[in-house]
Amino acid sequence: EAAAEETSDAAAEEKAAPGWNARMKKDELLAVARELGLDVHSKMKKAEIIEALQNA
C-alpha cells in the first residue's frame, strides 16, 4: 500500500542512496546533503534538496 503512494522517483532514490529517502524531513535531508558536500541551504524547497541528492 505505501509503495503505491510513492512516486517512481521516490522509489528510485531510495534504491540509489540508502542513506536517505523522500519521506525524511527537510532538515534531515539538508543534513545528509551537507554531509555529501552538496551546495544546499535552508531556503531551498524540500523538492530542490531531493533533486540535489538525486544528482549527487
C-alpha atoms as a PDB file:
ATOM      1  CA  GLU A   1       0.000   0.000   0.000  1.00  0.00           C
ATOM      2  CA  ALA A   2       2.702   2.507   0.950  1.00  0.00           C
ATOM      3  CA  ALA A   3       4.583   1.889  -2.291  1.00  0.00           C
ATOM      4  CA  ALA A   4       1.526   2.969  -4.258  1.00  0.00           C
ATOM      5  CA  GLU A   5       1.692   6.380  -2.571  1.00  0.00           C
ATOM      6  CA  GLU A   6       5.294   6.969  -3.612  1.00  0.00           C
ATOM      7  CA  THR A   7       6.220   8.368  -6.975  1.00  0.00           C
ATOM      8  CA  SER A   8       8.552   6.330  -9.127  1.00  0.00           C
ATOM      9  CA  ASP A   9      11.244   8.941  -8.415  1.00  0.00           C
ATOM     10  CA  ALA A  10      10.895   8.401  -4.670  1.00  0.00           C
ATOM     11  CA  ALA A  11      11.254   4.655  -5.091  1.00  0.00           C
ATOM     12  CA  ALA A  12      14.288   5.093  -7.341  1.00  0.00           C
ATOM     13  CA  GLU A  13      16.077   7.460  -4.975  1.00  0.00           C
ATOM     14  CA  GLU A  14      15.613   5.099  -2.040  1.00  0.00           C
ATOM     15  CA  LYS A  15      17.426   2.397  -4.014  1.00  0.00           C
ATOM     16  CA  ALA A  16      20.111   4.750  -5.313  1.00  0.00           C
ATOM     17  CA  ALA A  17      21.039   6.285  -1.964  1.00  0.00           C
ATOM     18  CA  PRO A  18      20.169   4.097   1.022  1.00  0.00           C
ATOM     19  CA  GLY A  19      21.226   6.810   3.471  1.00  0.00           C
ATOM     20  CA  TRP A  20      18.183   8.976   2.736  1.00  0.00           C
ATOM     21  CA  ASN A  21      14.686   8.882   1.273  1.00  0.00           C
ATOM     22  CA  ALA A  22      11.978  11.316   0.218  1.00  0.00           C
ATOM     23  CA  ARG A  23       9.955  10.724   3.389  1.00  0.00           C
ATOM     24  CA  MET A  24      12.642  12.293   5.564  1.00  0.00           C
ATOM     25  CA  LYS A  25      12.083  15.763   6.979  1.00  0.00           C
ATOM     26  CA  LYS A  26      13.589  18.720   5.166  1.00  0.00           C
ATOM     27  CA  ASP A  27      16.128  19.326   7.946  1.00  0.00           C
ATOM     28  CA  GLU A  28      17.235  15.694   7.793  1.00  0.00           C
ATOM     29  CA  LEU A  29      17.652  15.888   4.020  1.00  0.00           C
ATOM     30  CA  LEU A  30      19.661  19.102   4.398  1.00  0.00           C
ATOM     31  CA  ALA A  31      21.979  17.388   6.864  1.00  0.00           C
ATOM     32  CA  VAL A  32      22.533  14.432   4.525  1.00  0.00           C
ATOM     33  CA  ALA A  33      23.156  16.738   1.567  1.00  0.00           C
ATOM     34  CA  ARG A  34      25.670  18.781   3.554  1.00  0.00           C
ATOM     35  CA  GLU A  35      27.464  15.602   4.647  1.00  0.00           C
ATOM     36  CA  LEU A  36      27.815  14.762   0.960  1.00  0.00           C
ATOM     37  CA  GLY A  37      29.303  18.198   0.320  1.00  0.00           C
ATOM     38  CA  LEU A  38      26.365  19.464  -1.727  1.00  0.00           C
ATOM     39  CA  ASP A  39      25.692  23.190  -2.048  1.00  0.00           C
ATOM     40  CA  VAL A  40      22.329  23.354  -0.272  1.00  0.00           C
ATOM     41  CA  HIS A  41      20.762  25.880   2.085  1.00  0.00           C
ATOM     42  CA  SER A  42      17.736  26.123   4.354  1.00  0.00           C
ATOM     43  CA  LYS A  43      15.865  28.455   1.980  1.00  0.00           C
ATOM     44  CA  MET A  44      15.659  25.681  -0.616  1.00  0.00           C
ATOM     45  CA  LYS A  45      12.429  23.735  -1.019  1.00  0.00           C
ATOM     46  CA  LYS A  46      12.399  20.093   0.020  1.00  0.00           C
ATOM     47  CA  ALA A  47      11.968  19.062  -3.634  1.00  0.00           C
ATOM     48  CA  GLU A  48      15.088  21.044  -4.588  1.00  0.00           C
ATOM     49  CA  ILE A  49      17.117  19.313  -1.884  1.00  0.00           C
ATOM     50  CA  ILE A  50      15.863  15.920  -3.066  1.00  0.00           C
ATOM     51  CA  GLU A  51      16.830  16.828  -6.632  1.00  0.00           C
ATOM     52  CA  ALA A  52      20.327  17.791  -5.487  1.00  0.00           C
ATOM     53  CA  LEU A  53      20.645  14.475  -3.641  1.00  0.00           C
ATOM     54  CA  GLN A  54      19.432  12.540  -6.685  1.00  0.00           C
ATOM     55  CA  ASN A  55      22.015  14.257  -8.873  1.00  0.00           C
ATOM     56  CA  ALA A  56      24.850  13.679  -6.403  1.00  0.00           C
END
